[in-house]
Structure formats: C-alpha cells, structure tokens
Amino acid sequence: MDHHWRHLPVSARPIASAATAAVLAAQARDDEAFTVAAGGLVALDPAPTGLILGTATRLLLEQAHPDGLDSDAVREVLAQCVRAAVPWHPATDPMVVLYLLAAALGVLDEETPAPKPDELTSHAALLLAHLLGARPPREILTAALTEIEHTQLND
C-alpha cells in the first residue's frame, strides 16, 4: 500500500491507494496497467469508493467551472473525456461517463438505472484522470476525503 496515505483513516487507505494507481495508469494511457489498477479499485467496497471518487469528481468540476456548469459545459467534459480515453481504452462507454457526471453534480434522475459497479468505478478513474490532466491525484483525493470527513462530523 502507498505510504503516502498513512495519515488517512484505515478504511480510506486502500481506496486512496487504488484510486491513485488507476488514475495514474489512465493519465499514462496504459491500458494494461489501467485494467490491473482498475481491477484493484473495483474489488473494494463500492459505497465508500463511489463516495470518494464522486466527491473528487465534483470538486474538480467545481474548480474548473467556478460559476457553475451548464449543459454545454457538461457535454464538453463528456466529449473530451471519451475522445481522450477511447483510443487507448476502447471499452470506454460515454453513457457511463455521463451517468458519473450527473451523479457528481447531483442531477441524476433516480429512475435512471445504474451501470454495473465495476463500470462505474473504472470509468470514474478515467473521468478523474481527464479532469486532472497531468496533475497527480493526491491533492484532490485528500480534499475529497477531508470534505467527506467534515460532512460526516457535522451530520
């Protein structure tokens, strides 16, 4: 496990470590490494994993669009993410990325059927890699975990 995550609660460490590996593999556009890393991420409990990845996604979207996102901005993020991922990871599904964007922004229709957990998790890593660009994932994952902890303490 990545020693950089020792400051986190024990339950969050494997998620942060696996998410980092998957995002770094996606940033490197290494399909083989991504498949292995995403497999490690998918093997974790989907509820906390989804919460952390979704929070990180929302925070990155808010940073990139401080005045809010309109439908054109969401469409642009979706198209750019998918276009960047498909050449090296052909299994990229635009509908799963759209689902993740809607969920992160809190506009998901509750009647919309959820994709399979493994698809959600692997595509979340693709989306995070796209939103991060060349930046390492450590800062945004730390920010997401801090926000989750703050929210849980105040609830």
C-alpha atoms as a PDB file:
ATOM      1  CA  MET A   1       0.000   0.000   0.000  1.00  0.00           C
ATOM      2  CA  ASP A   2       1.148   3.525  -0.753  1.00  0.00           C
ATOM      3  CA  HIS A   3       2.902   5.014   2.277  1.00  0.00           C
ATOM      4  CA  HIS A   4       1.627   8.467   1.309  1.00  0.00           C
ATOM      5  CA  TRP A   5      -1.802   7.622   2.697  1.00  0.00           C
ATOM      6  CA  ARG A   6      -0.808   6.769   6.285  1.00  0.00           C
ATOM      7  CA  HIS A   7      -2.472   9.936   7.573  1.00  0.00           C
ATOM      8  CA  LEU A   8      -5.876   8.692   6.400  1.00  0.00           C
ATOM      9  CA  PRO A   9      -8.314   6.537   8.341  1.00  0.00           C
ATOM     10  CA  VAL A  10      -7.544   2.862   7.818  1.00  0.00           C
ATOM     11  CA  SER A  11     -10.741   2.288   5.831  1.00  0.00           C
ATOM     12  CA  ALA A  12      -9.872   5.027   3.307  1.00  0.00           C
ATOM     13  CA  ARG A  13      -6.264   3.994   2.660  1.00  0.00           C
ATOM     14  CA  PRO A  14      -6.874   1.153   0.196  1.00  0.00           C
ATOM     15  CA  ILE A  15      -9.361   3.282  -1.750  1.00  0.00           C
ATOM     16  CA  ALA A  16      -6.948   6.218  -1.997  1.00  0.00           C
ATOM     17  CA  SER A  17      -4.094   3.922  -2.976  1.00  0.00           C
ATOM     18  CA  ALA A  18      -6.097   2.017  -5.603  1.00  0.00           C
ATOM     19  CA  ALA A  19      -7.651   5.200  -6.993  1.00  0.00           C
ATOM     20  CA  THR A  20      -4.203   6.750  -7.311  1.00  0.00           C
ATOM     21  CA  ALA A  21      -2.894   3.724  -9.194  1.00  0.00           C
ATOM     22  CA  ALA A  22      -5.885   3.686 -11.564  1.00  0.00           C
ATOM     23  CA  VAL A  23      -5.768   7.431 -12.238  1.00  0.00           C
ATOM     24  CA  LEU A  24      -2.002   7.399 -12.834  1.00  0.00           C
ATOM     25  CA  ALA A  25      -2.377   4.477 -15.269  1.00  0.00           C
ATOM     26  CA  ALA A  26      -5.154   6.359 -17.074  1.00  0.00           C
ATOM     27  CA  GLN A  27      -3.045   9.502 -17.223  1.00  0.00           C
ATOM     28  CA  ALA A  28      -0.250   7.419 -18.750  1.00  0.00           C
ATOM     29  CA  ARG A  29      -2.770   5.956 -21.229  1.00  0.00           C
ATOM     30  CA  ASP A  30      -1.548   2.479 -20.379  1.00  0.00           C
ATOM     31  CA  ASP A  31      -4.472   0.128 -20.961  1.00  0.00           C
ATOM     32  CA  GLU A  32      -2.784  -2.903 -19.418  1.00  0.00           C
ATOM     33  CA  ALA A  33      -1.747  -1.042 -16.244  1.00  0.00           C
ATOM     34  CA  PHE A  34      -5.154   0.642 -16.100  1.00  0.00           C
ATOM     35  CA  THR A  35      -7.001  -2.673 -16.345  1.00  0.00           C
ATOM     36  CA  VAL A  36      -4.956  -4.096 -13.468  1.00  0.00           C
ATOM     37  CA  ALA A  37      -5.258  -0.931 -11.329  1.00  0.00           C
ATOM     38  CA  ALA A  38      -8.979  -0.524 -12.037  1.00  0.00           C
ATOM     39  CA  GLY A  39      -9.444  -4.172 -11.065  1.00  0.00           C
ATOM     40  CA  GLY A  40      -7.927  -3.396  -7.677  1.00  0.00           C
ATOM     41  CA  LEU A  41     -10.230  -0.421  -7.293  1.00  0.00           C
ATOM     42  CA  VAL A  42     -13.293  -2.414  -8.364  1.00  0.00           C
ATOM     43  CA  ALA A  43     -12.519  -5.073  -5.748  1.00  0.00           C
ATOM     44  CA  LEU A  44     -13.105  -2.567  -2.931  1.00  0.00           C
ATOM     45  CA  ASP A  45     -16.445  -1.775  -1.268  1.00  0.00           C
ATOM     46  CA  PRO A  46     -18.390   0.181  -3.916  1.00  0.00           C
ATOM     47  CA  ALA A  47     -20.211   2.511  -1.485  1.00  0.00           C
ATOM     48  CA  PRO A  48     -17.225   4.306   0.068  1.00  0.00           C
ATOM     49  CA  THR A  49     -15.244   4.007  -3.154  1.00  0.00           C
ATOM     50  CA  GLY A  50     -18.045   5.673  -5.099  1.00  0.00           C
ATOM     51  CA  LEU A  51     -18.430   8.372  -2.470  1.00  0.00           C
ATOM     52  CA  ILE A  52     -14.736   9.256  -2.591  1.00  0.00           C
ATOM     53  CA  LEU A  53     -14.469   9.163  -6.386  1.00  0.00           C
ATOM     54  CA  GLY A  54     -17.733  11.068  -6.825  1.00  0.00           C
ATOM     55  CA  THR A  55     -16.699  13.748  -4.344  1.00  0.00           C
ATOM     56  CA  ALA A  56     -13.327  14.133  -6.055  1.00  0.00           C
ATOM     57  CA  THR A  57     -15.071  14.445  -9.421  1.00  0.00           C
ATOM     58  CA  ARG A  58     -17.458  17.092  -8.114  1.00  0.00           C
ATOM     59  CA  LEU A  59     -14.616  19.081  -6.570  1.00  0.00           C
ATOM     60  CA  LEU A  60     -12.661  19.044  -9.839  1.00  0.00           C
ATOM     61  CA  LEU A  61     -15.728  20.128 -11.799  1.00  0.00           C
ATOM     62  CA  GLU A  62     -16.319  22.972  -9.341  1.00  0.00           C
ATOM     63  CA  GLN A  63     -12.676  24.056  -9.609  1.00  0.00           C
ATOM     64  CA  ALA A  64     -12.790  24.059 -13.403  1.00  0.00           C
ATOM     65  CA  HIS A  65     -16.177  25.810 -13.558  1.00  0.00           C
ATOM     66  CA  PRO A  66     -16.462  28.117 -10.530  1.00  0.00           C
ATOM     67  CA  ASP A  67     -19.518  29.857 -11.998  1.00  0.00           C
ATOM     68  CA  GLY A  68     -21.320  26.552 -12.455  1.00  0.00           C
ATOM     69  CA  LEU A  69     -21.769  24.135 -15.317  1.00  0.00           C
ATOM     70  CA  ASP A  70     -24.400  24.425 -17.970  1.00  0.00           C
ATOM     71  CA  SER A  71     -25.377  21.617 -20.303  1.00  0.00           C
ATOM     72  CA  ASP A  72     -22.818  22.729 -22.903  1.00  0.00           C
ATOM     73  CA  ALA A  73     -20.004  22.506 -20.356  1.00  0.00           C
ATOM     74  CA  VAL A  74     -21.112  19.033 -19.249  1.00  0.00           C
ATOM     75  CA  ARG A  75     -21.321  17.924 -22.881  1.00  0.00           C
ATOM     76  CA  GLU A  76     -17.819  19.281 -23.494  1.00  0.00           C
ATOM     77  CA  VAL A  77     -16.350  17.453 -20.479  1.00  0.00           C
ATOM     78  CA  LEU A  78     -18.092  14.255 -21.583  1.00  0.00           C
ATOM     79  CA  ALA A  79     -16.889  14.505 -25.184  1.00  0.00           C
ATOM     80  CA  GLN A  80     -13.321  15.398 -24.240  1.00  0.00           C
ATOM     81  CA  CYS A  81     -13.069  12.607 -21.688  1.00  0.00           C
ATOM     82  CA  VAL A  82     -14.411   9.960 -24.037  1.00  0.00           C
ATOM     83  CA  ARG A  83     -12.353  11.150 -27.029  1.00  0.00           C
ATOM     84  CA  ALA A  84      -9.200  11.082 -24.916  1.00  0.00           C
ATOM     85  CA  ALA A  85      -9.856   7.613 -23.464  1.00  0.00           C
ATOM     86  CA  VAL A  86     -11.239   5.594 -26.387  1.00  0.00           C
ATOM     87  CA  PRO A  87      -8.000   5.414 -28.438  1.00  0.00           C
ATOM     88  CA  TRP A  88      -6.110   3.658 -25.642  1.00  0.00           C
ATOM     89  CA  HIS A  89      -9.079   2.158 -23.710  1.00  0.00           C
ATOM     90  CA  PRO A  90     -11.727   1.144 -26.273  1.00  0.00           C
ATOM     91  CA  ALA A  91     -14.104  -0.144 -23.585  1.00  0.00           C
ATOM     92  CA  THR A  92     -14.874   3.461 -22.575  1.00  0.00           C
ATOM     93  CA  ASP A  93     -18.647   3.938 -22.515  1.00  0.00           C
ATOM     94  CA  PRO A  94     -19.943   7.514 -22.946  1.00  0.00           C
ATOM     95  CA  MET A  95     -23.185   6.660 -21.129  1.00  0.00           C
ATOM     96  CA  VAL A  96     -21.287   5.574 -18.022  1.00  0.00           C
ATOM     97  CA  VAL A  97     -19.255   8.806 -18.063  1.00  0.00           C
ATOM     98  CA  LEU A  98     -22.475  10.814 -18.461  1.00  0.00           C
ATOM     99  CA  TYR A  99     -24.021   8.910 -15.543  1.00  0.00           C
ATOM    100  CA  LEU A 100     -20.977   9.749 -13.386  1.00  0.00           C
ATOM    101  CA  LEU A 101     -21.130  13.420 -14.322  1.00  0.00           C
ATOM    102  CA  ALA A 102     -24.828  13.620 -13.497  1.00  0.00           C
ATOM    103  CA  ALA A 103     -24.296  11.803 -10.192  1.00  0.00           C
ATOM    104  CA  ALA A 104     -21.359  14.035  -9.204  1.00  0.00           C
ATOM    105  CA  LEU A 105     -23.390  17.146  -9.955  1.00  0.00           C
ATOM    106  CA  GLY A 106     -26.437  15.890  -8.059  1.00  0.00           C
ATOM    107  CA  VAL A 107     -28.721  15.950 -11.110  1.00  0.00           C
ATOM    108  CA  LEU A 108     -29.096  12.229 -11.636  1.00  0.00           C
ATOM    109  CA  ASP A 109     -32.657  11.075 -12.178  1.00  0.00           C
ATOM    110  CA  GLU A 110     -33.299   8.431  -9.511  1.00  0.00           C
ATOM    111  CA  GLU A 111     -35.144   6.314 -12.058  1.00  0.00           C
ATOM    112  CA  THR A 112     -32.060   6.047 -14.262  1.00  0.00           C
ATOM    113  CA  PRO A 113     -30.688   2.526 -13.956  1.00  0.00           C
ATOM    114  CA  ALA A 114     -27.140   2.471 -12.651  1.00  0.00           C
ATOM    115  CA  PRO A 115     -24.385   0.882 -14.691  1.00  0.00           C
ATOM    116  CA  LYS A 116     -22.590  -2.084 -13.166  1.00  0.00           C
ATOM    117  CA  PRO A 117     -20.382  -1.176 -10.184  1.00  0.00           C
ATOM    118  CA  ASP A 118     -17.202  -2.248 -11.992  1.00  0.00           C
ATOM    119  CA  GLU A 119     -18.062   0.015 -14.942  1.00  0.00           C
ATOM    120  CA  LEU A 120     -18.792   2.932 -12.625  1.00  0.00           C
ATOM    121  CA  THR A 121     -15.545   2.538 -10.736  1.00  0.00           C
ATOM    122  CA  SER A 122     -13.272   2.141 -13.751  1.00  0.00           C
ATOM    123  CA  HIS A 123     -14.945   4.989 -15.624  1.00  0.00           C
ATOM    124  CA  ALA A 124     -14.685   7.202 -12.530  1.00  0.00           C
ATOM    125  CA  ALA A 125     -10.919   6.732 -12.662  1.00  0.00           C
ATOM    126  CA  LEU A 126     -10.956   7.656 -16.372  1.00  0.00           C
ATOM    127  CA  LEU A 127     -13.008  10.762 -15.657  1.00  0.00           C
ATOM    128  CA  LEU A 128     -10.771  11.815 -12.777  1.00  0.00           C
ATOM    129  CA  ALA A 129      -7.683  11.337 -14.938  1.00  0.00           C
ATOM    130  CA  HIS A 130      -9.235  13.529 -17.618  1.00  0.00           C
ATOM    131  CA  LEU A 131     -10.258  16.256 -15.179  1.00  0.00           C
ATOM    132  CA  LEU A 132      -6.844  16.235 -13.517  1.00  0.00           C
ATOM    133  CA  GLY A 133      -4.885  16.472 -16.745  1.00  0.00           C
ATOM    134  CA  ALA A 134      -1.237  15.988 -15.787  1.00  0.00           C
ATOM    135  CA  ARG A 135      -1.759  16.799 -12.093  1.00  0.00           C
ATOM    136  CA  PRO A 136      -1.263  13.946  -9.628  1.00  0.00           C
ATOM    137  CA  PRO A 137      -4.423  12.676  -7.884  1.00  0.00           C
ATOM    138  CA  ARG A 138      -3.135  13.005  -4.320  1.00  0.00           C
ATOM    139  CA  GLU A 139      -4.352  16.560  -3.700  1.00  0.00           C
ATOM    140  CA  ILE A 140      -7.893  16.045  -4.986  1.00  0.00           C
ATOM    141  CA  LEU A 141      -8.311  12.709  -3.211  1.00  0.00           C
ATOM    142  CA  THR A 142      -7.118  14.305   0.022  1.00  0.00           C
ATOM    143  CA  ALA A 143      -9.554  17.192  -0.499  1.00  0.00           C
ATOM    144  CA  ALA A 144     -12.410  14.756  -1.174  1.00  0.00           C
ATOM    145  CA  LEU A 145     -11.646  12.743   1.945  1.00  0.00           C
ATOM    146  CA  THR A 146     -11.388  15.908   4.030  1.00  0.00           C
ATOM    147  CA  GLU A 147     -14.769  17.095   2.756  1.00  0.00           C
ATOM    148  CA  ILE A 148     -16.368  13.719   3.429  1.00  0.00           C
ATOM    149  CA  GLU A 149     -14.962  13.658   6.950  1.00  0.00           C
ATOM    150  CA  HIS A 150     -16.157  17.219   7.597  1.00  0.00           C
ATOM    151  CA  THR A 151     -19.643  16.401   6.300  1.00  0.00           C
ATOM    152  CA  GLN A 152     -19.870  13.239   8.407  1.00  0.00           C
ATOM    153  CA  LEU A 153     -18.752  15.075  11.545  1.00  0.00           C
ATOM    154  CA  ASN A 154     -21.373  17.766  11.013  1.00  0.00           C
ATOM    155  CA  ASP A 155     -24.270  15.408  10.280  1.00  0.00           C
END
